[in-house]
């Protein structure tokens, strides 16, 4: 899942922040993402026009085509596969899940009236230029994330208070973030972005195909799936979360520091969302817009605020200790837990319930966590190692970025891996 604001503990950096450096212009950002992240030197301004005009991460220059196997069809794997394919390389993407997107997951069931909600990546800050650039490249419409009207509710210390939209939108969700009014979303669901990449990759993606082993030598790489299928490649890009990296057997073994990170030495945050559809938007009787915060703590979203119809969906967004607390419960008990607390936030909430659902990223077998959340010590010891290539095997993912938990981080890291492979020696034999 792509990260939102943390609750229940103090973090050293706001989610989605980089290092606190001044935010570059979109073109400067794209240049750095595509070229500097790959270890390339700056080239002339004229040489940099093409990547921006064509696609945000277009790989510069012709290289002999390589056979590339990408492990994981999340955002990092998809953007790498997209740009490598466009550059003429032969790409195969192997995904353990029966779907693409990784921690981008748009839920359309059990909702009715065409409603949807995001179990994973949802909001896009205005300074995530690469994410916005790819959305624009694929003609995906970006619209405001937060409601523009009505009152936001705050429940703290047993007291319910209301915040005008203008005040709420002109303040950040956490220190160091852009204001809430500067966040957007992809109309029709965040999953439209991974689907756009996938549509361009034709038959190169193989779903429900977990990788069992990766073996390399001086001449190439052999990838074996759990079903016994074997793929030969010149290069491999592994984009799986560190929490599940140790499910793959590597020959020769990965570096001790990578194994340390994969063995639990690089923390991931738990996050769970509980969704409920209501037969009527009863909260509007108090001029509430269905959004707010409580001191449990949690964020409350109404993803249907900009859609028509009598029904509406409210969502409880829980992280860290509160996610751990609710995860062991059945889905029915998770919904009951939220309804019990919301009796003081939205009076009469039980009278209008249609259906509910929930999603835990900690319990997702192919994620085992919502986003990389290392301690300062873990970050200092392992940051440079987790993305370092080992022979013909390259690594990418939001964990290997300065944007832990955001699509932005997956895009930047995926492009870095694509640049490494594009410029690496060795082609089709």
Protein backbone atom coordinates (compact mmCIF):
# COMPACT_ATOMS: atom_id res chain seq x y z
CA UNK A 1 0.00 0.00 0.00
CA UNK A 2 1.13 3.50 -0.56
CA UNK A 3 1.50 5.39 2.64
CA UNK A 4 -0.64 8.10 4.18
CA UNK A 5 -0.14 9.87 7.50
CA UNK A 6 1.08 7.79 10.42
CA UNK A 7 -0.95 7.52 13.61
CA UNK A 8 -0.15 6.23 17.04
CA UNK A 9 3.56 7.07 17.01
CA UNK A 10 6.00 9.82 16.18
CA UNK A 11 8.04 9.63 12.99
CA UNK A 12 11.25 11.45 12.20
CA UNK A 13 10.07 12.31 8.66
CA UNK A 14 6.56 13.00 7.36
CA UNK A 15 5.35 10.28 4.98
CA UNK A 16 6.07 11.03 1.38
CA UNK A 17 8.72 13.56 2.30
CA UNK A 18 12.16 13.32 0.85
CA UNK A 19 15.05 14.93 2.70
CA UNK A 20 13.65 18.38 3.23
CA UNK A 21 15.53 19.76 0.21
CA UNK A 22 13.82 22.43 -1.89
CA UNK A 23 11.28 20.94 -4.28
CA UNK A 24 12.57 21.17 -7.88
CA UNK A 25 10.53 22.12 -10.88
CA UNK A 26 8.78 19.29 -12.68
CA UNK A 27 11.34 19.14 -15.46
CA UNK A 28 14.26 19.27 -13.03
CA UNK A 29 12.62 16.58 -10.94
CA UNK A 30 12.13 14.31 -13.94
CA UNK A 31 15.73 14.81 -15.01
CA UNK A 32 16.97 13.79 -11.60
CA UNK A 33 14.59 10.85 -11.31
CA UNK A 34 15.47 9.35 -14.67
CA UNK A 35 19.15 10.23 -14.92
CA UNK A 36 20.66 10.88 -11.52
CA UNK A 37 18.84 8.01 -9.79
CA UNK A 38 20.44 5.73 -12.36
CA UNK A 39 23.91 7.05 -11.63
CA UNK A 40 24.16 8.90 -14.93
CA UNK A 41 25.84 12.22 -15.52
CA UNK A 42 23.89 15.28 -16.62
CA UNK A 43 23.68 15.82 -20.34
CA UNK A 44 22.78 18.92 -22.25
CA UNK A 45 19.37 20.54 -21.94
CA UNK A 46 18.58 19.67 -25.55
CA UNK A 47 19.15 15.99 -24.80
CA UNK A 48 16.69 16.18 -21.92
CA UNK A 49 13.72 17.40 -23.92
CA UNK A 50 12.83 14.03 -25.42
CA UNK A 51 12.21 12.13 -22.16
CA UNK A 52 9.75 14.76 -20.99
CA UNK A 53 7.98 15.13 -24.34
CA UNK A 54 7.57 11.41 -24.95
CA UNK A 55 7.15 9.72 -21.59
CA UNK A 56 8.29 10.87 -18.15
CA UNK A 57 10.88 8.10 -17.85
CA UNK A 58 11.88 7.42 -21.43
CA UNK A 59 15.26 5.67 -21.52
CA UNK A 60 17.78 7.69 -23.56
CA UNK A 61 19.79 6.24 -26.39
CA UNK A 62 19.73 2.86 -28.14
CA UNK A 63 21.16 -0.22 -26.44
CA UNK A 64 21.36 -3.82 -27.57
CA UNK A 65 18.10 -5.52 -26.52
CA UNK A 66 18.21 -7.63 -23.38
CA UNK A 67 15.93 -10.33 -22.05
CA UNK A 68 14.63 -8.93 -18.76
CA UNK A 69 12.52 -10.70 -16.16
CA UNK A 70 10.79 -8.41 -13.67
CA UNK A 71 9.55 -9.94 -10.42
CA UNK A 72 6.46 -8.09 -9.26
CA UNK A 73 3.74 -6.18 -11.14
CA UNK A 74 3.39 -3.32 -8.68
CA UNK A 75 4.10 0.25 -9.71
CA UNK A 76 7.89 -0.16 -9.63
CA UNK A 77 7.83 -3.28 -11.80
CA UNK A 78 5.27 -1.88 -14.20
CA UNK A 79 7.03 1.43 -14.85
CA UNK A 80 10.33 -0.38 -15.35
CA UNK A 81 8.73 -2.88 -17.72
CA UNK A 82 6.96 -0.11 -19.62
CA UNK A 83 10.08 1.95 -20.22
CA UNK A 84 12.35 -1.04 -20.91
CA UNK A 85 9.87 -2.36 -23.46
CA UNK A 86 9.64 1.03 -25.14
CA UNK A 87 13.44 1.04 -25.36
CA UNK A 88 13.40 -2.27 -27.25
CA UNK A 89 14.17 -4.78 -24.50
CA UNK A 90 12.29 -8.09 -24.19
CA UNK A 91 10.40 -7.96 -20.92
CA UNK A 92 8.57 -10.64 -18.93
CA UNK A 93 6.80 -9.69 -15.68
CA UNK A 94 5.99 -12.37 -13.10
CA UNK A 95 3.40 -11.50 -10.44
CA UNK A 96 2.47 -13.73 -7.49
CA UNK A 97 -0.96 -12.16 -7.03
CA UNK A 98 -3.89 -12.76 -9.38
CA UNK A 99 -3.89 -9.02 -10.14
CA UNK A 100 -1.53 -6.19 -11.00
CA UNK A 101 -0.89 -3.09 -8.92
CA UNK A 102 0.79 -4.36 -5.76
CA UNK A 103 -0.21 -1.97 -2.99
CA UNK A 104 -2.44 -0.06 -5.36
CA UNK A 105 -5.81 -1.69 -4.80
CA UNK A 106 -9.13 -0.07 -5.72
CA UNK A 107 -12.17 -1.80 -4.22
CA UNK A 108 -15.44 -1.81 -6.18
CA UNK A 109 -17.16 -4.51 -4.14
CA UNK A 110 -19.30 -4.75 -2.07
CA UNK A 111 -20.25 -1.21 -3.06
CA UNK A 112 -23.14 -0.33 -5.36
CA UNK A 113 -24.08 2.68 -7.51
CA UNK A 114 -20.65 2.59 -9.15
CA UNK A 115 -18.94 3.57 -5.89
CA UNK A 116 -15.36 2.64 -5.13
CA UNK A 117 -12.78 3.13 -2.39
CA UNK A 118 -9.02 2.78 -2.12
CA UNK A 119 -7.53 0.06 0.04
CA UNK A 120 -4.06 1.24 -0.96
CA UNK A 121 -2.59 4.29 -2.69
CA UNK A 122 -5.14 7.08 -2.82
CA UNK A 123 -3.91 10.66 -2.61
CA UNK A 124 -1.21 12.41 -4.64
CA UNK A 125 0.60 15.47 -3.24
CA UNK A 126 1.13 18.37 -5.62
CA UNK A 127 4.93 18.01 -5.36
CA UNK A 128 4.98 14.39 -6.57
CA UNK A 129 5.77 15.49 -10.08
CA UNK A 130 6.66 12.09 -11.52
CA UNK A 131 3.37 10.54 -10.40
CA UNK A 132 1.45 13.47 -11.85
CA UNK A 133 3.48 13.34 -15.07
CA UNK A 134 2.61 9.68 -15.67
CA UNK A 135 -1.05 10.31 -14.90
CA UNK A 136 -1.03 13.11 -17.46
CA UNK A 137 0.89 10.97 -19.96
CA UNK A 138 -1.85 8.33 -19.83
CA UNK A 139 -4.61 10.99 -19.94
CA UNK A 140 -5.83 10.12 -16.44
CA UNK A 141 -7.86 12.93 -14.94
CA UNK A 142 -6.66 14.27 -11.61
CA UNK A 143 -9.34 15.75 -9.35
CA UNK A 144 -9.34 17.10 -5.76
CA UNK A 145 -8.91 14.43 -3.12
CA UNK A 146 -10.58 16.17 -0.18
CA UNK A 147 -14.12 17.50 -0.09
CA UNK A 148 -14.45 21.18 -0.96
CA UNK A 149 -17.63 21.86 1.02
CA UNK A 150 -19.39 21.08 4.26
CA UNK A 151 -17.83 20.68 7.69
CA UNK A 152 -15.05 18.34 8.74
CA UNK A 153 -15.60 16.59 12.07
CA UNK A 154 -13.04 16.24 14.86
CA UNK A 155 -13.59 13.96 17.84
CA UNK A 156 -11.04 14.33 20.62
CA UNK A 157 -11.22 13.90 24.37
CA UNK A 158 -14.88 12.94 24.14
CA UNK A 159 -15.76 16.24 22.46
CA UNK A 160 -17.07 16.57 18.90
CA UNK A 161 -16.16 19.77 17.06
CA UNK A 162 -16.43 20.98 13.48
CA UNK A 163 -13.90 22.55 11.13
CA UNK A 164 -14.86 24.63 8.08
CA UNK A 165 -13.61 23.22 4.78
CA UNK A 166 -11.55 26.34 4.06
CA UNK A 167 -9.58 25.91 7.30
CA UNK A 168 -9.13 22.16 6.90
CA UNK A 169 -7.97 22.40 3.27
CA UNK A 170 -5.50 25.18 4.02
CA UNK A 171 -3.66 23.12 6.62
CA UNK A 172 -1.39 20.10 6.10
CA UNK A 173 -2.37 16.58 7.24
CA UNK A 174 1.02 16.40 9.02
CA UNK A 175 3.95 18.80 9.52
CA UNK A 176 6.04 19.25 6.38
CA UNK A 177 3.32 18.13 3.99
CA UNK A 178 1.60 20.28 1.41
CA UNK A 179 -1.83 21.53 2.42
CA UNK A 180 -4.75 19.15 2.05
CA UNK A 181 -6.18 21.30 -0.72
CA UNK A 182 -3.14 20.45 -2.86
CA UNK A 183 -3.82 16.71 -2.86
CA UNK A 184 -5.45 15.08 -5.88
CA UNK A 185 -6.64 11.62 -6.86
CA UNK A 186 -7.13 9.75 -10.12
CA UNK A 187 -10.75 9.95 -11.18
CA UNK A 188 -12.21 6.47 -11.54
CA UNK A 189 -9.72 4.82 -9.17
CA UNK A 190 -5.99 4.78 -8.52
CA UNK A 191 -5.78 1.38 -10.19
CA UNK A 192 -6.21 3.13 -13.53
CA UNK A 193 -2.49 3.99 -13.40
CA UNK A 194 -1.17 0.40 -13.12
CA UNK A 195 -3.79 -0.67 -15.66
CA UNK A 196 -2.49 1.96 -18.09
CA UNK A 197 1.03 0.56 -17.78
CA UNK A 198 -0.27 -3.00 -18.12
CA UNK A 199 -2.34 -2.20 -21.22
CA UNK A 200 0.87 -1.13 -22.92
CA UNK A 201 2.68 -4.32 -21.93
CA UNK A 202 0.30 -6.65 -23.80
CA UNK A 203 1.02 -10.31 -23.00
CA UNK A 204 4.23 -9.83 -21.03
CA UNK A 205 2.58 -10.05 -17.58
CA UNK A 206 1.99 -13.46 -15.99
CA UNK A 207 -0.33 -13.39 -12.96
CA UNK A 208 -0.58 -15.96 -10.14
CA UNK A 209 3.04 -16.83 -10.87
CA UNK A 210 5.14 -16.58 -7.70
CA UNK A 211 8.88 -16.87 -8.20
CA UNK A 212 10.60 -19.64 -6.29
CA UNK A 213 14.28 -19.23 -7.17
CA UNK A 214 16.70 -16.99 -9.06
CA UNK A 215 20.12 -18.30 -10.05
CA UNK A 216 22.77 -16.32 -11.91
CA UNK A 217 26.18 -16.92 -13.43
CA UNK A 218 28.49 -14.97 -15.70
CA UNK A 219 26.30 -15.60 -18.73
CA UNK A 220 22.74 -15.01 -17.53
CA UNK A 221 20.01 -15.58 -14.99
CA UNK A 222 17.55 -18.45 -14.57
CA UNK A 223 14.22 -17.72 -12.88
CA UNK A 224 12.06 -20.62 -11.71
CA UNK A 225 8.42 -20.20 -10.68
CA UNK A 226 6.46 -22.18 -8.11
CA UNK A 227 4.68 -23.89 -10.98
CA UNK A 228 7.96 -25.15 -12.41
CA UNK A 229 8.20 -22.81 -15.40
CA UNK A 230 11.74 -21.60 -16.09
CA UNK A 231 12.66 -18.25 -17.65
CA UNK A 232 16.12 -17.37 -18.97
CA UNK A 233 17.17 -13.74 -18.80
CA UNK A 234 20.12 -11.44 -19.25
CA UNK A 235 18.99 -9.31 -16.32
CA UNK A 236 16.41 -9.56 -13.53
CA UNK A 237 14.68 -6.72 -11.68
CA UNK A 238 13.26 -7.77 -8.30
CA UNK A 239 10.60 -5.37 -6.98
CA UNK A 240 9.00 -7.42 -4.19
CA UNK A 241 8.75 -5.86 -0.69
CA UNK A 242 11.61 -6.71 1.63
CA UNK A 243 9.12 -8.48 3.89
CA UNK A 244 8.65 -11.25 1.31
CA UNK A 245 12.07 -11.20 -0.38
CA UNK A 246 13.24 -14.19 1.65
CA UNK A 247 10.59 -16.36 -0.03
CA UNK A 248 12.84 -16.41 -3.09
CA UNK A 249 15.98 -18.55 -3.08
CA UNK A 250 18.90 -16.73 -4.67
CA UNK A 251 21.98 -18.50 -6.00
CA UNK A 252 24.51 -17.30 -5.08
CA UNK A 253 22.99 -15.94 -1.87
CA UNK A 254 22.29 -12.25 -1.54
CA UNK A 255 24.58 -10.03 0.50
CA UNK A 256 24.40 -10.38 4.30
CA UNK A 257 22.92 -6.88 4.62
CA UNK A 258 20.15 -7.63 2.12
CA UNK A 259 19.40 -10.84 3.96
CA UNK A 260 19.29 -8.86 7.21
CA UNK A 261 16.75 -6.46 5.70
CA UNK A 262 14.68 -9.32 4.30
CA UNK A 263 14.77 -11.15 7.63
CA UNK A 264 12.96 -8.40 9.50
CA UNK A 265 15.79 -5.91 9.85
CA UNK A 266 13.93 -3.20 7.93
CA UNK A 267 10.61 -2.34 9.50
CA UNK A 268 7.30 -2.12 7.64
CA UNK A 269 4.22 -0.30 8.93
CA UNK A 270 0.90 -2.07 9.50
CA UNK A 271 -2.17 -0.35 8.09
CA UNK A 272 -5.81 -1.41 7.86
CA UNK A 273 -8.84 0.27 6.34
CA UNK A 274 -12.47 -0.42 7.18
CA UNK A 275 -15.13 0.59 4.64
CA UNK A 276 -18.88 0.96 5.11
CA UNK A 277 -21.56 1.84 2.59
CA UNK A 278 -24.67 3.60 3.90
CA UNK A 279 -28.12 3.73 2.35
CA UNK A 280 -28.21 7.49 2.76
CA UNK A 281 -25.66 10.21 3.43
CA UNK A 282 -27.22 10.93 6.80
CA UNK A 283 -24.23 13.01 7.92
CA UNK A 284 -25.26 15.74 5.48
CA UNK A 285 -28.22 16.57 7.74
CA UNK A 286 -25.64 18.25 10.01
CA UNK A 287 -23.83 19.80 7.02
CA UNK A 288 -20.97 17.33 7.54
CA UNK A 289 -19.03 16.16 4.50
CA UNK A 290 -18.15 12.73 5.93
CA UNK A 291 -14.47 13.51 6.54
CA UNK A 292 -12.56 14.04 9.75
CA UNK A 293 -10.20 12.81 12.43
CA UNK A 294 -10.49 11.18 15.83
CA UNK A 295 -8.01 10.77 18.66
CA UNK A 296 -8.23 6.97 18.55
CA UNK A 297 -6.34 7.94 16.28
CA UNK A 298 -7.73 7.55 12.80
CA UNK A 299 -8.56 9.43 9.63
CA UNK A 300 -12.12 9.31 8.31
CA UNK A 301 -12.59 9.64 4.55
CA UNK A 302 -15.69 9.80 2.39
CA UNK A 303 -14.47 8.61 -1.04
CA UNK A 304 -17.93 9.18 -2.55
CA UNK A 305 -18.04 12.91 -1.75
CA UNK A 306 -17.78 13.87 -5.43
CA UNK A 307 -20.17 11.22 -6.76
CA UNK A 308 -23.92 11.44 -7.18
CA UNK A 309 -26.50 9.17 -5.58
CA UNK A 310 -28.18 8.76 -2.21
CA UNK A 311 -25.71 6.18 -0.92
CA UNK A 312 -22.28 7.02 0.39
CA UNK A 313 -19.15 5.26 1.65
CA UNK A 314 -17.23 6.18 4.79
CA UNK A 315 -13.81 4.75 5.60
CA UNK A 316 -11.75 4.38 8.77
CA UNK A 317 -8.02 4.58 8.08
CA UNK A 318 -5.95 2.97 10.85
CA UNK A 319 -2.19 2.63 11.21
CA UNK A 320 0.42 1.23 13.56
CA UNK A 321 -0.95 0.22 16.98
CA UNK A 322 -4.60 0.68 15.99
CA UNK A 323 -4.12 -1.49 12.89
CA UNK A 324 -2.42 -4.17 14.99
CA UNK A 325 -5.32 -4.02 17.42
CA UNK A 326 -8.02 -4.52 14.81
CA UNK A 327 -6.22 -6.98 12.53
CA UNK A 328 -6.93 -10.14 14.58
CA UNK A 329 -10.68 -9.48 14.42
CA UNK A 330 -13.01 -10.95 11.83
CA UNK A 331 -14.27 -8.54 9.21
CA UNK A 332 -17.66 -8.35 10.94
CA UNK A 333 -16.02 -7.48 14.26
CA UNK A 334 -13.79 -4.88 12.60
CA UNK A 335 -16.88 -3.17 11.22
CA UNK A 336 -18.62 -3.46 14.59
CA UNK A 337 -15.61 -1.93 16.32
CA UNK A 338 -15.67 1.12 14.04
CA UNK A 339 -19.45 1.52 14.33
CA UNK A 340 -19.21 1.46 18.11
CA UNK A 341 -16.66 4.28 18.15
CA UNK A 342 -18.44 6.27 15.46
CA UNK A 343 -21.64 6.42 17.50
CA UNK A 344 -20.18 9.59 19.04
CA UNK A 345 -18.78 10.90 15.75
CA UNK A 346 -21.79 10.35 13.48
CA UNK A 347 -24.92 9.95 15.62
CA UNK A 348 -27.31 7.36 14.14
CA UNK A 349 -24.56 5.69 12.12
CA UNK A 350 -25.93 2.18 12.72
CA UNK A 351 -29.35 3.00 11.31
CA UNK A 352 -28.12 3.44 7.75
CA UNK A 353 -25.52 0.69 7.21
CA UNK A 354 -25.77 -1.24 3.93
CA UNK A 355 -22.59 -3.28 3.79
CA UNK A 356 -18.96 -3.25 4.84
CA UNK A 357 -15.49 -4.50 4.00
CA UNK A 358 -11.94 -4.18 5.31
CA UNK A 359 -8.35 -4.70 4.19
CA UNK A 360 -5.18 -5.32 6.20
CA UNK A 361 -1.81 -4.91 4.49
CA UNK A 362 0.03 -6.60 7.33
CA UNK A 363 -2.05 -9.74 6.69
CA UNK A 364 -1.62 -9.57 2.92
CA UNK A 365 0.69 -12.54 2.20
CA UNK A 366 2.50 -10.76 -0.64
CA UNK A 367 3.07 -7.50 1.25
CA UNK A 368 3.25 -8.29 4.99
CA UNK A 369 3.14 -4.57 5.65
CA UNK A 370 1.85 -1.36 4.15
CA UNK A 371 5.08 0.55 3.51
CA UNK A 372 8.75 0.54 4.48
CA UNK A 373 9.16 2.28 7.84
CA UNK A 374 12.76 1.82 8.97
CA UNK A 375 14.16 3.18 12.20
CA UNK A 376 16.95 5.75 11.83
CA UNK A 377 19.49 3.04 12.64
CA UNK A 378 18.03 0.65 10.07
CA UNK A 379 17.94 3.38 7.45
CA UNK A 380 21.56 4.38 8.05
CA UNK A 381 22.80 0.79 7.95
CA UNK A 382 20.76 -0.56 5.04
CA UNK A 383 19.50 2.23 2.78
CA UNK A 384 22.31 2.02 0.22
CA UNK A 385 22.36 -1.78 0.31
CA UNK A 386 18.72 -2.67 -0.30
CA UNK A 387 18.73 -1.18 -3.81
CA UNK A 388 22.25 -2.19 -4.81
CA UNK A 389 22.48 -4.51 -7.80
CA UNK A 390 24.13 -7.88 -7.24
CA UNK A 391 25.62 -9.12 -10.48
CA UNK A 392 22.82 -9.40 -13.02
CA UNK A 393 20.07 -8.98 -10.43
CA UNK A 394 18.73 -5.47 -9.78
CA UNK A 395 16.35 -4.28 -7.06
CA UNK A 396 13.62 -1.65 -6.85
CA UNK A 397 10.51 -0.68 -4.87
CA UNK A 398 9.22 2.08 -2.65
CA UNK A 399 11.48 0.79 0.12
CA UNK A 400 14.44 1.80 -2.05
CA UNK A 401 13.49 5.48 -2.29
CA UNK A 402 13.15 8.68 -0.32
CA UNK A 403 9.36 8.40 -0.65
CA UNK A 404 8.51 5.43 1.54
CA UNK A 405 4.94 4.37 0.96
CA UNK A 406 4.08 6.54 -2.03
CA UNK A 407 3.60 5.72 -5.69
CA UNK A 408 6.21 8.40 -6.24
CA UNK A 409 8.82 6.26 -4.49
CA UNK A 410 7.93 3.17 -6.52
CA UNK A 411 8.13 5.15 -9.76
CA UNK A 412 11.49 6.75 -8.95
CA UNK A 413 12.99 3.45 -7.83
CA UNK A 414 11.53 1.47 -10.74
CA UNK A 415 13.00 3.93 -13.22
CA UNK A 416 16.38 3.76 -11.51
CA UNK A 417 16.33 -0.01 -11.93
CA UNK A 418 15.31 0.35 -15.57
CA UNK A 419 18.17 2.78 -16.22
CA UNK A 420 20.64 0.36 -14.62
CA UNK A 421 19.49 -2.49 -16.82
CA UNK A 422 19.26 -0.36 -19.96
CA UNK A 423 22.91 0.69 -19.64
CA UNK A 424 24.25 -2.63 -18.31
CA UNK A 425 26.50 -4.84 -20.41
CA UNK A 426 25.16 -8.01 -21.93
CA UNK A 427 22.34 -8.48 -24.39
CA UNK A 428 20.42 -11.24 -26.07
CA UNK A 429 22.67 -14.21 -26.62
